[in-house]
PDB file of N, CA and C in Angstrom:
ATOM      1  N   MET A   1     -10.759   4.448   2.809  1.00  0.00           N
ATOM      2  CA  MET A   1      -9.970   5.645   2.995  1.00  0.00           C
ATOM      3  C   MET A   1     -10.465   6.346   4.261  1.00  0.00           C
ATOM      4  N   THR A   2      -9.528   6.807   5.046  1.00  0.00           N
ATOM      5  CA  THR A   2      -9.892   7.522   6.269  1.00  0.00           C
ATOM      6  C   THR A   2     -10.336   8.948   5.934  1.00  0.00           C
ATOM      7  N   PRO A   3     -11.088   9.572   6.832  1.00  0.00           N
ATOM      8  CA  PRO A   3     -11.460  10.972   6.596  1.00  0.00           C
ATOM      9  C   PRO A   3     -10.222  11.870   6.441  1.00  0.00           C
ATOM     10  N   PHE A   4      -9.163  11.582   7.222  1.00  0.00           N
ATOM     11  CA  PHE A   4      -7.931  12.357   7.112  1.00  0.00           C
ATOM     12  C   PHE A   4      -7.348  12.237   5.709  1.00  0.00           C
ATOM     13  N   ALA A   5      -7.208  11.009   5.211  1.00  0.00           N
ATOM     14  CA  ALA A   5      -6.639  10.796   3.877  1.00  0.00           C
ATOM     15  C   ALA A   5      -7.491  11.481   2.819  1.00  0.00           C
ATOM     16  N   GLY A   6      -8.798  11.412   2.955  1.00  0.00           N
ATOM     17  CA  GLY A   6      -9.687  12.081   2.008  1.00  0.00           C
ATOM     18  C   GLY A   6      -9.481  13.583   2.010  1.00  0.00           C
ATOM     19  N   ALA A   7      -9.313  14.168   3.205  1.00  0.00           N
ATOM     20  CA  ALA A   7      -9.078  15.608   3.304  1.00  0.00           C
ATOM     21  C   ALA A   7      -7.753  15.991   2.658  1.00  0.00           C
ATOM     22  N   VAL A   8      -6.735  15.169   2.867  1.00  0.00           N
ATOM     23  CA  VAL A   8      -5.416  15.429   2.277  1.00  0.00           C
ATOM     24  C   VAL A   8      -5.504  15.396   0.757  1.00  0.00           C
ATOM     25  N   LEU A   9      -6.138  14.371   0.222  1.00  0.00           N
ATOM     26  CA  LEU A   9      -6.210  14.235  -1.234  1.00  0.00           C
ATOM     27  C   LEU A   9      -7.061  15.340  -1.849  1.00  0.00           C
ATOM     28  N   ARG A  10      -8.145  15.737  -1.182  1.00  0.00           N
ATOM     29  CA  ARG A  10      -8.962  16.851  -1.694  1.00  0.00           C
ATOM     30  C   ARG A  10      -8.161  18.151  -1.683  1.00  0.00           C
ATOM     31  N   ALA A  11      -7.392  18.388  -0.629  1.00  0.00           N
ATOM     32  CA  ALA A  11      -6.574  19.612  -0.563  1.00  0.00           C
ATOM     33  C   ALA A  11      -5.525  19.615  -1.665  1.00  0.00           C
ATOM     34  N   THR A  12      -5.004  18.463  -2.003  1.00  0.00           N
ATOM     35  CA  THR A  12      -3.992  18.356  -3.049  1.00  0.00           C
ATOM     36  C   THR A  12      -4.564  18.752  -4.407  1.00  0.00           C
ATOM     37  N   LEU A  13      -5.835  18.503  -4.625  1.00  0.00           N
ATOM     38  CA  LEU A  13      -6.470  18.876  -5.888  1.00  0.00           C
ATOM     39  C   LEU A  13      -6.430  20.382  -6.143  1.00  0.00           C
ATOM     40  N   ALA A  14      -6.298  21.170  -5.084  1.00  0.00           N
ATOM     41  CA  ALA A  14      -6.284  22.627  -5.235  1.00  0.00           C
ATOM     42  C   ALA A  14      -4.954  23.149  -5.764  1.00  0.00           C
ATOM     43  N   ILE A  15      -3.924  22.309  -5.796  1.00  0.00           N
ATOM     44  CA  ILE A  15      -2.608  22.743  -6.273  1.00  0.00           C
ATOM     45  C   ILE A  15      -2.601  22.634  -7.796  1.00  0.00           C
ATOM     46  N   LYS A  16      -2.562  23.757  -8.432  1.00  0.00           N
ATOM     47  CA  LYS A  16      -2.664  23.806  -9.889  1.00  0.00           C
ATOM     48  C   LYS A  16      -1.368  23.398 -10.579  1.00  0.00           C
ATOM     49  N   SER A  17      -1.495  22.959 -11.802  1.00  0.00           N
ATOM     50  CA  SER A  17      -0.346  22.576 -12.619  1.00  0.00           C
ATOM     51  C   SER A  17       0.667  23.703 -12.660  1.00  0.00           C
ATOM     52  N   GLY A  18       1.946  23.361 -12.526  1.00  0.00           N
ATOM     53  CA  GLY A  18       3.004  24.341 -12.539  1.00  0.00           C
ATOM     54  C   GLY A  18       3.342  24.888 -11.160  1.00  0.00           C
ATOM     55  N   ASN A  19       2.577  24.488 -10.153  1.00  0.00           N
ATOM     56  CA  ASN A  19       2.805  24.946  -8.786  1.00  0.00           C
ATOM     57  C   ASN A  19       3.169  23.768  -7.896  1.00  0.00           C
ATOM     58  N   THR A  20       3.826  24.072  -6.797  1.00  0.00           N
ATOM     59  CA  THR A  20       4.122  23.066  -5.783  1.00  0.00           C
ATOM     60  C   THR A  20       3.692  23.607  -4.427  1.00  0.00           C
ATOM     61  N   ALA A  21       3.638  22.729  -3.464  1.00  0.00           N
ATOM     62  CA  ALA A  21       3.366  23.086  -2.071  1.00  0.00           C
ATOM     63  C   ALA A  21       4.192  22.155  -1.206  1.00  0.00           C
ATOM     64  N   THR A  22       4.388  22.530   0.036  1.00  0.00           N
ATOM     65  CA  THR A  22       5.123  21.670   0.953  1.00  0.00           C
ATOM     66  C   THR A  22       4.141  20.817   1.742  1.00  0.00           C
ATOM     67  N   TYR A  23       4.683  19.807   2.397  1.00  0.00           N
ATOM     68  CA  TYR A  23       3.847  18.982   3.267  1.00  0.00           C
ATOM     69  C   TYR A  23       3.217  19.844   4.356  1.00  0.00           C
ATOM     70  N   GLY A  24       3.972  20.810   4.880  1.00  0.00           N
ATOM     71  CA  GLY A  24       3.445  21.718   5.889  1.00  0.00           C
ATOM     72  C   GLY A  24       2.326  22.595   5.352  1.00  0.00           C
ATOM     73  N   ASP A  25       2.485  23.091   4.119  1.00  0.00           N
ATOM     74  CA  ASP A  25       1.415  23.877   3.482  1.00  0.00           C
ATOM     75  C   ASP A  25       0.147  23.048   3.399  1.00  0.00           C
ATOM     76  N   LEU A  26       0.310  21.825   2.982  1.00  0.00           N
ATOM     77  CA  LEU A  26      -0.845  20.954   2.811  1.00  0.00           C
ATOM     78  C   LEU A  26      -1.491  20.634   4.147  1.00  0.00           C
ATOM     79  N   ALA A  27      -0.690  20.431   5.181  1.00  0.00           N
ATOM     80  CA  ALA A  27      -1.240  20.161   6.506  1.00  0.00           C
ATOM     81  C   ALA A  27      -2.082  21.340   6.982  1.00  0.00           C
ATOM     82  N   ALA A  28      -1.667  22.552   6.636  1.00  0.00           N
ATOM     83  CA  ALA A  28      -2.413  23.736   7.042  1.00  0.00           C
ATOM     84  C   ALA A  28      -3.735  23.861   6.290  1.00  0.00           C
ATOM     85  N   ALA A  29      -3.790  23.353   5.079  1.00  0.00           N
ATOM     86  CA  ALA A  29      -5.003  23.493   4.258  1.00  0.00           C
ATOM     87  C   ALA A  29      -6.229  22.875   4.911  1.00  0.00           C
ATOM     88  N   PRO A  30      -6.165  21.615   5.370  1.00  0.00           N
ATOM     89  CA  PRO A  30      -7.358  21.081   6.031  1.00  0.00           C
ATOM     90  C   PRO A  30      -7.410  21.410   7.513  1.00  0.00           C
ATOM     91  N   GLY A  31      -6.578  22.355   7.986  1.00  0.00           N
ATOM     92  CA  GLY A  31      -6.597  22.754   9.380  1.00  0.00           C
ATOM     93  C   GLY A  31      -5.834  21.819  10.296  1.00  0.00           C
ATOM     94  N   LEU A  32      -4.886  21.095   9.764  1.00  0.00           N
ATOM     95  CA  LEU A  32      -4.098  20.159  10.554  1.00  0.00           C
ATOM     96  C   LEU A  32      -2.739  20.758  10.891  1.00  0.00           C
ATOM     97  N   PRO A  33      -2.128  20.317  11.986  1.00  0.00           N
ATOM     98  CA  PRO A  33      -0.809  20.857  12.327  1.00  0.00           C
ATOM     99  C   PRO A  33       0.249  20.387  11.343  1.00  0.00           C
ATOM    100  N   ALA A  34       1.290  21.187  11.159  1.00  0.00           N
ATOM    101  CA  ALA A  34       2.372  20.824  10.252  1.00  0.00           C
ATOM    102  C   ALA A  34       3.024  19.507  10.662  1.00  0.00           C
ATOM    103  N   ALA A  35       2.881  19.128  11.917  1.00  0.00           N
ATOM    104  CA  ALA A  35       3.445  17.864  12.396  1.00  0.00           C
ATOM    105  C   ALA A  35       2.777  16.661  11.733  1.00  0.00           C
ATOM    106  N   ALA A  36       1.703  16.888  11.009  1.00  0.00           N
ATOM    107  CA  ALA A  36       1.001  15.800  10.330  1.00  0.00           C
ATOM    108  C   ALA A  36       1.682  15.419   9.018  1.00  0.00           C
ATOM    109  N   SER A  37       2.846  15.984   8.737  1.00  0.00           N
ATOM    110  CA  SER A  37       3.525  15.752   7.463  1.00  0.00           C
ATOM    111  C   SER A  37       3.732  14.268   7.168  1.00  0.00           C
ATOM    112  N   ARG A  38       4.140  13.500   8.155  1.00  0.00           N
ATOM    113  CA  ARG A  38       4.345  12.061   7.922  1.00  0.00           C
ATOM    114  C   ARG A  38       3.032  11.368   7.588  1.00  0.00           C
ATOM    115  N   ASP A  39       1.962  11.764   8.252  1.00  0.00           N
ATOM    116  CA  ASP A  39       0.656  11.182   7.956  1.00  0.00           C
ATOM    117  C   ASP A  39       0.191  11.557   6.552  1.00  0.00           C
ATOM    118  N   ILE A  40       0.544  12.755   6.119  1.00  0.00           N
ATOM    119  CA  ILE A  40       0.226  13.174   4.753  1.00  0.00           C
ATOM    120  C   ILE A  40       0.982  12.298   3.768  1.00  0.00           C
ATOM    121  N   GLY A  41       2.253  12.053   4.043  1.00  0.00           N
ATOM    122  CA  GLY A  41       3.038  11.165   3.187  1.00  0.00           C
ATOM    123  C   GLY A  41       2.430   9.783   3.096  1.00  0.00           C
ATOM    124  N   ALA A  42       1.926   9.275   4.215  1.00  0.00           N
ATOM    125  CA  ALA A  42       1.278   7.957   4.216  1.00  0.00           C
ATOM    126  C   ALA A  42       0.006   7.981   3.371  1.00  0.00           C
ATOM    127  N   ALA A  43      -0.742   9.084   3.443  1.00  0.00           N
ATOM    128  CA  ALA A  43      -1.954   9.199   2.615  1.00  0.00           C
ATOM    129  C   ALA A  43      -1.586   9.165   1.140  1.00  0.00           C
ATOM    130  N   PHE A  44      -0.487   9.834   0.774  1.00  0.00           N
ATOM    131  CA  PHE A  44      -0.044   9.809  -0.623  1.00  0.00           C
ATOM    132  C   PHE A  44       0.401   8.416  -1.041  1.00  0.00           C
ATOM    133  N   GLY A  45       1.055   7.703  -0.140  1.00  0.00           N
ATOM    134  CA  GLY A  45       1.502   6.350  -0.442  1.00  0.00           C
ATOM    135  C   GLY A  45       0.341   5.410  -0.736  1.00  0.00           C
ATOM    136  N   ASN A  46      -0.843   5.760  -0.225  1.00  0.00           N
ATOM    137  CA  ASN A  46      -2.040   4.954  -0.457  1.00  0.00           C
ATOM    138  C   ASN A  46      -3.014   5.624  -1.414  1.00  0.00           C
ATOM    139  N   ASN A  47      -2.542   6.613  -2.161  1.00  0.00           N
ATOM    140  CA  ASN A  47      -3.383   7.348  -3.103  1.00  0.00           C
ATOM    141  C   ASN A  47      -3.908   6.390  -4.179  1.00  0.00           C
ATOM    142  N   PRO A  48      -5.226   6.133  -4.192  1.00  0.00           N
ATOM    143  CA  PRO A  48      -5.773   5.206  -5.185  1.00  0.00           C
ATOM    144  C   PRO A  48      -5.924   5.821  -6.579  1.00  0.00           C
ATOM    145  N   TRP A  49      -5.724   7.121  -6.699  1.00  0.00           N
ATOM    146  CA  TRP A  49      -5.905   7.816  -7.984  1.00  0.00           C
ATOM    147  C   TRP A  49      -4.691   8.669  -8.333  1.00  0.00           C
ATOM    148  N   PRO A  50      -3.501   8.072  -8.493  1.00  0.00           N
ATOM    149  CA  PRO A  50      -2.295   8.877  -8.715  1.00  0.00           C
ATOM    150  C   PRO A  50      -2.324   9.713  -9.992  1.00  0.00           C
ATOM    151  N   LEU A  51      -3.107   9.328 -10.965  1.00  0.00           N
ATOM    152  CA  LEU A  51      -3.191  10.130 -12.187  1.00  0.00           C
ATOM    153  C   LEU A  51      -4.115  11.329 -12.018  1.00  0.00           C
ATOM    154  N   LEU A  52      -4.993  11.267 -11.028  1.00  0.00           N
ATOM    155  CA  LEU A  52      -5.942  12.354 -10.798  1.00  0.00           C
ATOM    156  C   LEU A  52      -5.541  13.267  -9.645  1.00  0.00           C
ATOM    157  N   ILE A  53      -4.952  12.696  -8.610  1.00  0.00           N
ATOM    158  CA  ILE A  53      -4.526  13.459  -7.439  1.00  0.00           C
ATOM    159  C   ILE A  53      -3.041  13.758  -7.597  1.00  0.00           C
ATOM    160  N   PRO A  54      -2.658  15.006  -7.805  1.00  0.00           N
ATOM    161  CA  PRO A  54      -1.275  15.359  -8.148  1.00  0.00           C
ATOM    162  C   PRO A  54      -0.321  15.408  -6.949  1.00  0.00           C
ATOM    163  N   CYS A  55      -0.149  14.280  -6.276  1.00  0.00           N
ATOM    164  CA  CYS A  55       0.715  14.275  -5.093  1.00  0.00           C
ATOM    165  C   CYS A  55       2.178  14.530  -5.444  1.00  0.00           C
ATOM    166  N   HIS A  56       2.523  14.448  -6.727  1.00  0.00           N
ATOM    167  CA  HIS A  56       3.906  14.763  -7.127  1.00  0.00           C
ATOM    168  C   HIS A  56       4.207  16.252  -6.975  1.00  0.00           C
ATOM    169  N   ARG A  57       3.200  17.078  -6.750  1.00  0.00           N
ATOM    170  CA  ARG A  57       3.408  18.520  -6.586  1.00  0.00           C
ATOM    171  C   ARG A  57       3.770  18.909  -5.150  1.00  0.00           C
ATOM    172  N   ILE A  58       3.865  17.928  -4.269  1.00  0.00           N
ATOM    173  CA  ILE A  58       4.211  18.194  -2.875  1.00  0.00           C
ATOM    174  C   ILE A  58       5.701  17.951  -2.683  1.00  0.00           C
ATOM    175  N   VAL A  59       6.378  18.947  -2.128  1.00  0.00           N
ATOM    176  CA  VAL A  59       7.825  18.868  -1.910  1.00  0.00           C
ATOM    177  C   VAL A  59       8.126  19.084  -0.431  1.00  0.00           C
ATOM    178  N   ALA A  60       9.353  18.769  -0.030  1.00  0.00           N
ATOM    179  CA  ALA A  60       9.779  18.994   1.352  1.00  0.00           C
ATOM    180  C   ALA A  60       9.834  20.490   1.637  1.00  0.00           C
ATOM    181  N   THR A  61       9.827  20.853   2.888  1.00  0.00           N
ATOM    182  CA  THR A  61       9.863  22.263   3.290  1.00  0.00           C
ATOM    183  C   THR A  61      11.062  22.987   2.704  1.00  0.00           C
ATOM    184  N   ASN A  62      12.168  22.277   2.546  1.00  0.00           N
ATOM    185  CA  ASN A  62      13.379  22.890   1.986  1.00  0.00           C
ATOM    186  C   ASN A  62      13.375  22.894   0.461  1.00  0.00           C
ATOM    187  N   GLY A  63      12.261  22.459  -0.158  1.00  0.00           N
ATOM    188  CA  GLY A  63      12.129  22.470  -1.608  1.00  0.00           C
ATOM    189  C   GLY A  63      12.640  21.215  -2.300  1.00  0.00           C
ATOM    190  N   LYS A  64      13.226  20.313  -1.546  1.00  0.00           N
ATOM    191  CA  LYS A  64      13.777  19.092  -2.144  1.00  0.00           C
ATOM    192  C   LYS A  64      12.678  18.072  -2.412  1.00  0.00           C
ATOM    193  N   MET A  65      12.958  17.225  -3.380  1.00  0.00           N
ATOM    194  CA  MET A  65      12.046  16.131  -3.703  1.00  0.00           C
ATOM    195  C   MET A  65      12.348  14.976  -2.748  1.00  0.00           C
ATOM    196  N   THR A  66      11.341  14.527  -2.033  1.00  0.00           N
ATOM    197  CA  THR A  66      11.534  13.419  -1.103  1.00  0.00           C
ATOM    198  C   THR A  66      10.343  12.482  -1.137  1.00  0.00           C
ATOM    199  N   GLY A  67      10.595  11.226  -0.903  1.00  0.00           N
ATOM    200  CA  GLY A  67       9.539  10.265  -0.638  1.00  0.00           C
ATOM    201  C   GLY A  67       8.584   9.942  -1.762  1.00  0.00           C
ATOM    202  N   PHE A  68       8.892  10.242  -2.996  1.00  0.00           N
ATOM    203  CA  PHE A  68       7.971   9.921  -4.082  1.00  0.00           C
ATOM    204  C   PHE A  68       7.953   8.417  -4.274  1.00  0.00           C
ATOM    205  N   SER A  69       6.790   7.793  -4.088  1.00  0.00           N
ATOM    206  CA  SER A  69       6.701   6.335  -4.094  1.00  0.00           C
ATOM    207  C   SER A  69       6.326   5.742  -5.444  1.00  0.00           C
ATOM    208  N   GLY A  70       6.088   6.579  -6.434  1.00  0.00           N
ATOM    209  CA  GLY A  70       5.749   6.065  -7.753  1.00  0.00           C
ATOM    210  C   GLY A  70       6.945   5.416  -8.421  1.00  0.00           C
ATOM    211  N   PRO A  71       6.691   4.676  -9.493  1.00  0.00           N
ATOM    212  CA  PRO A  71       7.800   4.043 -10.225  1.00  0.00           C
ATOM    213  C   PRO A  71       8.834   5.083 -10.653  1.00  0.00           C
ATOM    214  N   GLY A  72      10.091   4.793 -10.406  1.00  0.00           N
ATOM    215  CA  GLY A  72      11.157   5.714 -10.770  1.00  0.00           C
ATOM    216  C   GLY A  72      11.508   6.693  -9.672  1.00  0.00           C
ATOM    217  N   GLY A  73      10.713   6.733  -8.593  1.00  0.00           N
ATOM    218  CA  GLY A  73      11.014   7.560  -7.434  1.00  0.00           C
ATOM    219  C   GLY A  73      11.147   9.034  -7.748  1.00  0.00           C
ATOM    220  N   VAL A  74      12.132   9.654  -7.128  1.00  0.00           N
ATOM    221  CA  VAL A  74      12.338  11.099  -7.226  1.00  0.00           C
ATOM    222  C   VAL A  74      12.610  11.544  -8.667  1.00  0.00           C
ATOM    223  N   ALA A  75      13.300  10.714  -9.449  1.00  0.00           N
ATOM    224  CA  ALA A  75      13.571  11.085 -10.840  1.00  0.00           C
ATOM    225  C   ALA A  75      12.268  11.254 -11.617  1.00  0.00           C
ATOM    226  N   THR A  76      11.306  10.383 -11.386  1.00  0.00           N
ATOM    227  CA  THR A  76      10.003  10.506 -12.034  1.00  0.00           C
ATOM    228  C   THR A  76       9.293  11.747 -11.543  1.00  0.00           C
ATOM    229  N   ASN A  77       9.361  12.004 -10.241  1.00  0.00           N
ATOM    230  CA  ASN A  77       8.737  13.185  -9.673  1.00  0.00           C
ATOM    231  C   ASN A  77       9.253  14.447 -10.339  1.00  0.00           C
ATOM    232  N   MET A  78      10.556  14.539 -10.525  1.00  0.00           N
ATOM    233  CA  MET A  78      11.158  15.707 -11.164  1.00  0.00           C
ATOM    234  C   MET A  78      10.718  15.846 -12.621  1.00  0.00           C
ATOM    235  N   ARG A  79      10.575  14.735 -13.326  1.00  0.00           N
ATOM    236  CA  ARG A  79      10.094  14.797 -14.708  1.00  0.00           C
ATOM    237  C   ARG A  79       8.645  15.291 -14.752  1.00  0.00           C
ATOM    238  N   LEU A  80       7.825  14.827 -13.821  1.00  0.00           N
ATOM    239  CA  LEU A  80       6.420  15.255 -13.788  1.00  0.00           C
ATOM    240  C   LEU A  80       6.313  16.764 -13.517  1.00  0.00           C
ATOM    241  N   LEU A  81       7.143  17.267 -12.627  1.00  0.00           N
ATOM    242  CA  LEU A  81       7.112  18.691 -12.307  1.00  0.00           C
ATOM    243  C   LEU A  81       7.623  19.555 -13.447  1.00  0.00           C
ATOM    244  N   ALA A  82       8.476  19.007 -14.293  1.00  0.00           N
ATOM    245  CA  ALA A  82       9.040  19.759 -15.402  1.00  0.00           C
ATOM    246  C   ALA A  82       8.036  19.956 -16.537  1.00  0.00           C
ATOM    247  N   LYS A  83       6.935  19.231 -16.511  1.00  0.00           N
ATOM    248  CA  LYS A  83       5.942  19.324 -17.590  1.00  0.00           C
ATOM    249  C   LYS A  83       4.942  20.394 -17.350  1.00  0.00           C
TER     250      LYS A  83
END
């Protein structure tokens, strides 16, 4: 895991259950520019601990569900957020 990916996943741990954040919010957390959103998405795609790191809590800036790579895609993401 790269230091960048580690920083992204650690920042994601701070998002508590019932809350969401945007890719831009997350980029700001480790002091990275919002333009790092695609790199953040790549870090999530390689998340080795999907049950522990709540990457399903990250949404697009417009609030839409995008890019969820887990089984079932966006529909699964929406079910996870509803819990």
